[in-house]
Protein backbone atom coordinates (compact mmCIF):
# COMPACT_ATOMS: atom_id res chain seq x y z
CA MET A 1 -4.15 71.81 -6.91
CA ILE A 2 -3.34 74.58 -4.42
CA LYS A 3 -6.03 76.24 -2.36
CA ARG A 4 -6.30 78.43 0.70
CA LEU A 5 -7.16 76.75 3.99
CA ASP A 6 -9.27 78.16 6.79
CA ASN A 7 -7.18 77.18 9.81
CA LYS A 8 -9.88 78.62 12.10
CA ASN A 9 -12.04 75.63 11.13
CA ARG A 10 -11.41 72.84 13.62
CA GLU A 11 -11.60 70.10 10.99
CA ILE A 12 -9.08 71.91 8.78
CA ALA A 13 -6.75 72.54 11.74
CA THR A 14 -6.88 68.81 12.47
CA GLU A 15 -5.89 68.07 8.86
CA ILE A 16 -3.00 70.54 9.06
CA LEU A 17 -1.74 68.85 12.21
CA SER A 18 -1.97 65.43 10.54
CA ILE A 19 0.71 66.56 8.06
CA GLN A 20 2.66 68.89 10.31
CA ILE A 21 3.58 66.36 12.98
CA PRO A 22 5.06 63.68 10.67
CA SER A 23 6.85 66.32 8.60
CA TYR A 24 8.45 68.06 11.58
CA LEU A 25 9.40 64.70 13.12
CA VAL A 26 11.58 64.17 10.04
CA GLU A 27 13.21 67.57 10.60
CA ALA A 28 13.65 66.83 14.30
CA LYS A 29 15.47 63.61 13.43
CA ILE A 30 17.67 65.40 10.86
CA ILE A 31 18.74 68.13 13.29
CA ASP A 32 18.61 65.87 16.37
CA TYR A 33 16.32 68.26 18.23
CA TYR A 34 12.82 67.15 19.22
CA ASP A 35 11.72 70.25 21.12
CA LEU A 36 10.59 72.08 17.96
CA PRO A 37 7.60 74.41 18.52
CA PRO A 38 5.63 72.95 15.56
CA LEU A 39 5.71 69.58 17.30
CA LYS A 40 3.94 71.19 20.26
CA ASP A 41 1.14 72.73 18.21
CA THR A 42 -2.40 71.67 18.97
CA ILE A 43 -5.62 72.06 17.04
CA ASP A 44 -6.39 75.09 19.21
CA SER A 45 -3.00 76.73 18.67
CA LEU A 46 -3.31 76.25 14.90
CA GLN A 47 -6.79 77.78 14.96
CA GLN A 48 -5.47 80.81 16.84
CA CYS A 49 -2.33 81.48 14.81
CA GLN A 50 -2.42 84.46 12.50
CA GLU A 51 -0.79 82.77 9.52
CA THR A 52 -2.36 82.33 6.10
CA PHE A 53 -2.36 78.69 5.00
CA PHE A 54 -2.29 77.23 1.51
CA ALA A 55 -2.48 73.52 0.78
CA TYR A 56 -1.38 71.29 -2.04
CA TYR A 57 -3.77 68.48 -2.92
CA LEU A 58 -3.02 65.45 -5.05
CA GLN A 59 -6.48 64.39 -6.18
CA GLU A 60 -8.37 64.77 -2.89
CA GLU A 61 -5.43 64.06 -0.59
CA LEU A 62 -3.80 66.86 1.39
CA CYS A 63 -0.06 66.41 0.76
CA GLY A 64 1.63 69.70 1.63
CA ILE A 65 1.11 73.06 3.30
CA ILE A 66 2.76 76.44 3.23
CA SER A 67 1.87 79.12 5.76
CA LEU A 68 2.93 82.72 5.82
CA LYS A 69 2.44 86.20 7.12
CA LEU A 70 2.48 89.05 4.64
CA ASP A 71 3.97 92.32 5.84
CA ARG A 72 3.23 94.79 3.04
CA THR A 73 5.63 93.45 0.38
CA GLU A 74 7.54 90.79 2.34
CA VAL A 75 6.36 87.27 2.96
CA ASP A 76 7.51 85.61 6.17
CA LEU A 77 7.29 81.86 5.56
CA HIS A 78 6.33 80.07 8.76
CA ARG A 79 5.77 76.51 7.58
CA LEU A 80 6.61 74.63 4.42
CA ILE A 81 5.62 71.06 5.12
CA VAL A 82 5.10 67.99 3.01
CA HIS A 83 3.86 64.69 4.35
CA PRO A 84 6.81 62.24 4.32
CA GLU A 85 4.86 59.89 2.03
CA HIS A 86 5.00 62.65 -0.60
CA PHE A 87 8.64 63.74 -0.33
CA ARG A 88 10.56 64.16 -3.60
CA LYS A 89 7.46 64.86 -5.71
CA GLY A 90 8.07 68.59 -6.20
CA ILE A 91 5.28 69.64 -3.82
CA ALA A 92 7.41 72.01 -1.74
CA GLN A 93 8.61 73.64 -4.98
CA LYS A 94 5.05 74.10 -6.24
CA LEU A 95 3.98 75.69 -2.94
CA LEU A 96 6.98 78.04 -2.89
CA ASP A 97 6.43 79.00 -6.55
CA PHE A 98 2.78 79.73 -5.73
CA VAL A 99 3.75 82.16 -2.95
CA GLU A 100 6.29 83.89 -5.19
CA MET A 101 3.43 84.74 -7.55
CA ILE A 102 1.38 86.60 -4.92
CA GLU A 103 0.85 90.08 -6.28
CA GLY A 104 2.99 92.75 -4.65
CA VAL A 105 5.48 90.38 -3.01
CA LYS A 106 9.02 91.74 -3.34
CA SER A 107 10.85 89.51 -0.87
CA MET A 108 10.50 86.37 1.22
CA ARG A 109 12.22 85.30 4.39
CA VAL A 110 12.37 81.96 6.14
CA THR A 111 14.06 80.37 9.15
CA THR A 112 15.06 76.74 9.58
CA GLY A 113 17.36 74.64 11.71
CA ALA A 114 21.00 75.29 10.82
CA LYS A 115 21.55 71.50 10.63
CA ASN A 116 18.58 70.98 8.30
CA LYS A 117 20.67 70.47 5.16
CA PRO A 118 17.75 69.39 2.91
CA ALA A 119 15.83 72.60 3.73
CA ILE A 120 18.92 74.80 3.42
CA ASN A 121 19.75 73.24 0.05
CA PHE A 122 16.14 73.75 -1.10
CA TYR A 123 16.08 77.42 -0.13
CA SER A 124 19.58 78.07 -1.53
CA LYS A 125 18.61 76.42 -4.82
CA ASN A 126 15.63 78.79 -4.94
CA GLY A 127 17.70 81.94 -4.58
CA PHE A 128 17.50 82.51 -0.83
CA ARG A 129 20.62 83.95 0.78
CA LYS A 130 21.62 83.44 4.41
CA LEU A 131 21.04 86.47 6.64
CA GLN A 132 22.13 85.18 10.02
CA GLU A 133 22.40 82.32 12.46
CA VAL A 134 21.00 82.51 15.96
CA LYS A 135 21.89 80.05 18.69
CA VAL A 136 18.65 79.25 20.56
CA ASP A 137 20.25 76.89 23.07
CA GLU A 138 23.17 74.46 23.23
CA HIS A 139 21.35 72.05 20.89
CA LEU A 140 19.62 74.33 18.39
CA THR A 141 20.85 77.00 16.01
CA LEU A 142 18.51 78.62 13.51
CA SER A 143 19.49 79.98 10.10
CA SER A 144 17.49 82.81 8.51
CA PHE A 145 17.32 83.40 4.77
CA ARG A 146 15.87 86.04 2.45
CA LYS A 147 15.08 86.13 -1.24
CA TYR A 148 14.30 89.21 -3.29
CA ILE A 149 11.75 88.75 -6.06
CA ILE A 150 12.72 90.50 -9.27
């Protein structure tokens, strides 16, 4: 089941963080870069961010989260996270499909680490095309992707 989360609620922000940290630690290991901003988030920073959060629940257990900002007809995906215990269950796909169905959305964009092959493969498989790469520092390059919804 997918439902919207109120990240302003401290208890909910705590739940988000409980999935975000283990998920981004996996990405950090993949790209060999542990200074990722999502690993520095706190309950307070999550409560203050202006993203809209949706969660995937398996029974009563929070397993995955997608967060976004909607700019008229384009969705900017900020987080697509699945708890490592729930990898390879199709949860990320269900969350992405859910966002694609938001009325009025004509395109989506996302950014991930250029070395994050699992994420890049996932987005490519879902019709995202690379826009650019930006070198953040000597250890991190980010790849941006966009998908047009037909």
